[in-house]
Amino acid sequence: MTPNRLVRGLGLACVAGSAAWWLSFLDQVSQTIGVSIQSLFQEAWPCLFYTTQRCQLAYSVVELAGALAYRPFLTWIGLGLLVFGSFVSMEVVPDDRLRDRKDPQF
């Protein structure tokens, strides 16, 4: 297994784990405050990527209930690893025309 595949696989696993953690968090919030998960999903999708005041309020409610609140750091780590893995996989191909080029002599 090449390093770029390993890094991209790890990034994909982080993003998938983050999404699963976020869905579990939404389920905990919906059970705690008594709101359906569908209506909660429409307003809480930004929480997957960044923390707003609404997200922070939901984090506090879930933490007061004794559960682990979602934090978006795992999403950003996974996305960073995916981007990094894509750059690592880029291959630089030498240009033969530059090697054969002769500089003008004055």
C-alpha atoms as a PDB file:
ATOM      1  CA  MET A   1       0.000   0.000   0.000  1.00  0.00           C
ATOM      2  CA  THR A   2       1.392   3.354  -1.023  1.00  0.00           C
ATOM      3  CA  PRO A   3       1.643   6.219   1.466  1.00  0.00           C
ATOM      4  CA  ASN A   4      -0.836   8.377  -0.455  1.00  0.00           C
ATOM      5  CA  ARG A   5      -3.459   5.605  -0.376  1.00  0.00           C
ATOM      6  CA  LEU A   6      -2.865   5.175   3.333  1.00  0.00           C
ATOM      7  CA  VAL A   7      -3.249   8.915   3.991  1.00  0.00           C
ATOM      8  CA  ARG A   8      -6.381   9.167   1.835  1.00  0.00           C
ATOM      9  CA  GLY A   9      -7.840   6.058   3.471  1.00  0.00           C
ATOM     10  CA  LEU A  10      -7.176   7.512   6.895  1.00  0.00           C
ATOM     11  CA  GLY A  11      -8.781  10.797   5.794  1.00  0.00           C
ATOM     12  CA  LEU A  12     -11.836   8.979   4.481  1.00  0.00           C
ATOM     13  CA  ALA A  13     -12.098   7.009   7.724  1.00  0.00           C
ATOM     14  CA  CYS A  14     -11.913  10.264   9.736  1.00  0.00           C
ATOM     15  CA  VAL A  15     -14.655  11.891   7.641  1.00  0.00           C
ATOM     16  CA  ALA A  16     -16.855   8.787   7.876  1.00  0.00           C
ATOM     17  CA  GLY A  17     -16.257   8.508  11.623  1.00  0.00           C
ATOM     18  CA  SER A  18     -17.022  12.185  12.038  1.00  0.00           C
ATOM     19  CA  ALA A  19     -20.288  11.845  10.108  1.00  0.00           C
ATOM     20  CA  ALA A  20     -21.286   8.840  12.242  1.00  0.00           C
ATOM     21  CA  TRP A  21     -20.405  10.757  15.418  1.00  0.00           C
ATOM     22  CA  TRP A  22     -22.446  13.743  14.193  1.00  0.00           C
ATOM     23  CA  LEU A  23     -25.507  11.581  13.416  1.00  0.00           C
ATOM     24  CA  SER A  24     -25.227   9.942  16.830  1.00  0.00           C
ATOM     25  CA  PHE A  25     -24.965  13.402  18.377  1.00  0.00           C
ATOM     26  CA  LEU A  26     -28.092  14.546  16.504  1.00  0.00           C
ATOM     27  CA  ASP A  27     -29.956  11.504  17.781  1.00  0.00           C
ATOM     28  CA  GLN A  28     -28.901  12.314  21.357  1.00  0.00           C
ATOM     29  CA  VAL A  29     -29.985  15.938  20.949  1.00  0.00           C
ATOM     30  CA  SER A  30     -33.365  14.930  19.493  1.00  0.00           C
ATOM     31  CA  GLN A  31     -33.975  12.546  22.388  1.00  0.00           C
ATOM     32  CA  THR A  32     -32.871  15.107  24.978  1.00  0.00           C
ATOM     33  CA  ILE A  33     -34.951  18.037  23.745  1.00  0.00           C
ATOM     34  CA  GLY A  34     -37.823  16.059  22.188  1.00  0.00           C
ATOM     35  CA  VAL A  35     -37.500  17.316  18.599  1.00  0.00           C
ATOM     36  CA  SER A  36     -37.621  15.020  15.570  1.00  0.00           C
ATOM     37  CA  ILE A  37     -34.257  14.296  14.013  1.00  0.00           C
ATOM     38  CA  GLN A  38     -35.496  15.381  10.548  1.00  0.00           C
ATOM     39  CA  SER A  39     -36.329  18.915  11.656  1.00  0.00           C
ATOM     40  CA  LEU A  40     -33.142  19.049  13.716  1.00  0.00           C
ATOM     41  CA  PHE A  41     -31.075  17.935  10.714  1.00  0.00           C
ATOM     42  CA  GLN A  42     -32.294  20.856   8.590  1.00  0.00           C
ATOM     43  CA  GLU A  43     -31.010  23.393  11.087  1.00  0.00           C
ATOM     44  CA  ALA A  44     -27.947  21.572  12.414  1.00  0.00           C
ATOM     45  CA  TRP A  45     -26.051  20.563   9.267  1.00  0.00           C
ATOM     46  CA  PRO A  46     -23.571  23.478   9.617  1.00  0.00           C
ATOM     47  CA  CYS A  47     -22.489  21.903  12.924  1.00  0.00           C
ATOM     48  CA  LEU A  48     -20.786  19.182  10.884  1.00  0.00           C
ATOM     49  CA  PHE A  49     -18.199  21.734   9.697  1.00  0.00           C
ATOM     50  CA  TYR A  50     -18.039  24.562  12.236  1.00  0.00           C
ATOM     51  CA  THR A  51     -19.411  25.639  15.599  1.00  0.00           C
ATOM     52  CA  THR A  52     -22.182  28.217  15.620  1.00  0.00           C
ATOM     53  CA  GLN A  53     -24.011  29.537  18.661  1.00  0.00           C
ATOM     54  CA  ARG A  54     -26.826  27.048  18.047  1.00  0.00           C
ATOM     55  CA  CYS A  55     -24.297  24.240  17.846  1.00  0.00           C
ATOM     56  CA  GLN A  56     -22.662  25.342  21.080  1.00  0.00           C
ATOM     57  CA  LEU A  57     -26.061  25.368  22.769  1.00  0.00           C
ATOM     58  CA  ALA A  58     -26.728  21.828  21.543  1.00  0.00           C
ATOM     59  CA  TYR A  59     -23.253  20.737  22.714  1.00  0.00           C
ATOM     60  CA  SER A  60     -24.010  22.104  26.170  1.00  0.00           C
ATOM     61  CA  VAL A  61     -27.401  20.355  26.346  1.00  0.00           C
ATOM     62  CA  VAL A  62     -25.912  16.995  25.373  1.00  0.00           C
ATOM     63  CA  GLU A  63     -22.961  17.370  27.737  1.00  0.00           C
ATOM     64  CA  LEU A  64     -25.338  18.226  30.588  1.00  0.00           C
ATOM     65  CA  ALA A  65     -27.225  15.034  29.777  1.00  0.00           C
ATOM     66  CA  GLY A  66     -23.954  13.142  30.248  1.00  0.00           C
ATOM     67  CA  ALA A  67     -23.161  12.266  26.637  1.00  0.00           C
ATOM     68  CA  LEU A  68     -20.202  13.077  24.413  1.00  0.00           C
ATOM     69  CA  ALA A  69     -20.898  16.172  22.323  1.00  0.00           C
ATOM     70  CA  TYR A  70     -19.813  16.358  18.690  1.00  0.00           C
ATOM     71  CA  ARG A  71     -16.915  18.611  17.748  1.00  0.00           C
ATOM     72  CA  PRO A  72     -16.009  19.308  14.082  1.00  0.00           C
ATOM     73  CA  PHE A  73     -12.242  18.817  14.475  1.00  0.00           C
ATOM     74  CA  LEU A  74     -12.372  15.244  13.170  1.00  0.00           C
ATOM     75  CA  THR A  75     -14.091  16.404   9.982  1.00  0.00           C
ATOM     76  CA  TRP A  76     -11.348  18.955   9.324  1.00  0.00           C
ATOM     77  CA  ILE A  77      -8.580  16.473  10.091  1.00  0.00           C
ATOM     78  CA  GLY A  78     -10.129  14.007   7.639  1.00  0.00           C
ATOM     79  CA  LEU A  79     -10.601  16.626   4.924  1.00  0.00           C
ATOM     80  CA  GLY A  80      -7.021  17.813   5.439  1.00  0.00           C
ATOM     81  CA  LEU A  81      -5.720  14.268   5.093  1.00  0.00           C
ATOM     82  CA  LEU A  82      -7.741  13.767   1.905  1.00  0.00           C
ATOM     83  CA  VAL A  83      -6.312  16.941   0.376  1.00  0.00           C
ATOM     84  CA  PHE A  84      -2.796  16.110   1.539  1.00  0.00           C
ATOM     85  CA  GLY A  85      -3.109  12.583   0.151  1.00  0.00           C
ATOM     86  CA  SER A  86      -4.182  14.002  -3.187  1.00  0.00           C
ATOM     87  CA  PHE A  87      -1.123  16.256  -3.331  1.00  0.00           C
ATOM     88  CA  VAL A  88       1.196  13.442  -2.302  1.00  0.00           C
ATOM     89  CA  SER A  89      -0.148  11.315  -5.150  1.00  0.00           C
ATOM     90  CA  MET A  90       0.700  13.949  -7.761  1.00  0.00           C
ATOM     91  CA  GLU A  91       3.584  12.889  -9.928  1.00  0.00           C
ATOM     92  CA  VAL A  92       6.028  15.291 -11.491  1.00  0.00           C
ATOM     93  CA  VAL A  93       6.882  14.225 -15.021  1.00  0.00           C
ATOM     94  CA  PRO A  94      10.134  15.607 -16.389  1.00  0.00           C
ATOM     95  CA  ASP A  95       9.839  17.550 -19.617  1.00  0.00           C
ATOM     96  CA  ASP A  96      12.280  16.204 -22.205  1.00  0.00           C
ATOM     97  CA  ARG A  97      12.056  19.382 -24.259  1.00  0.00           C
ATOM     98  CA  LEU A  98      13.732  21.390 -21.506  1.00  0.00           C
ATOM     99  CA  ARG A  99      16.596  18.951 -21.227  1.00  0.00           C
ATOM    100  CA  ASP A 100      17.342  19.065 -24.953  1.00  0.00           C
ATOM    101  CA  ARG A 101      17.043  22.835 -25.185  1.00  0.00           C
ATOM    102  CA  LYS A 102      20.200  24.766 -25.903  1.00  0.00           C
ATOM    103  CA  ASP A 103      20.678  28.252 -24.528  1.00  0.00           C
ATOM    104  CA  PRO A 104      21.452  30.932 -27.091  1.00  0.00           C
ATOM    105  CA  GLN A 105      25.059  32.072 -27.135  1.00  0.00           C
ATOM    106  CA  PHE A 106      25.946  35.669 -27.758  1.00  0.00           C
END
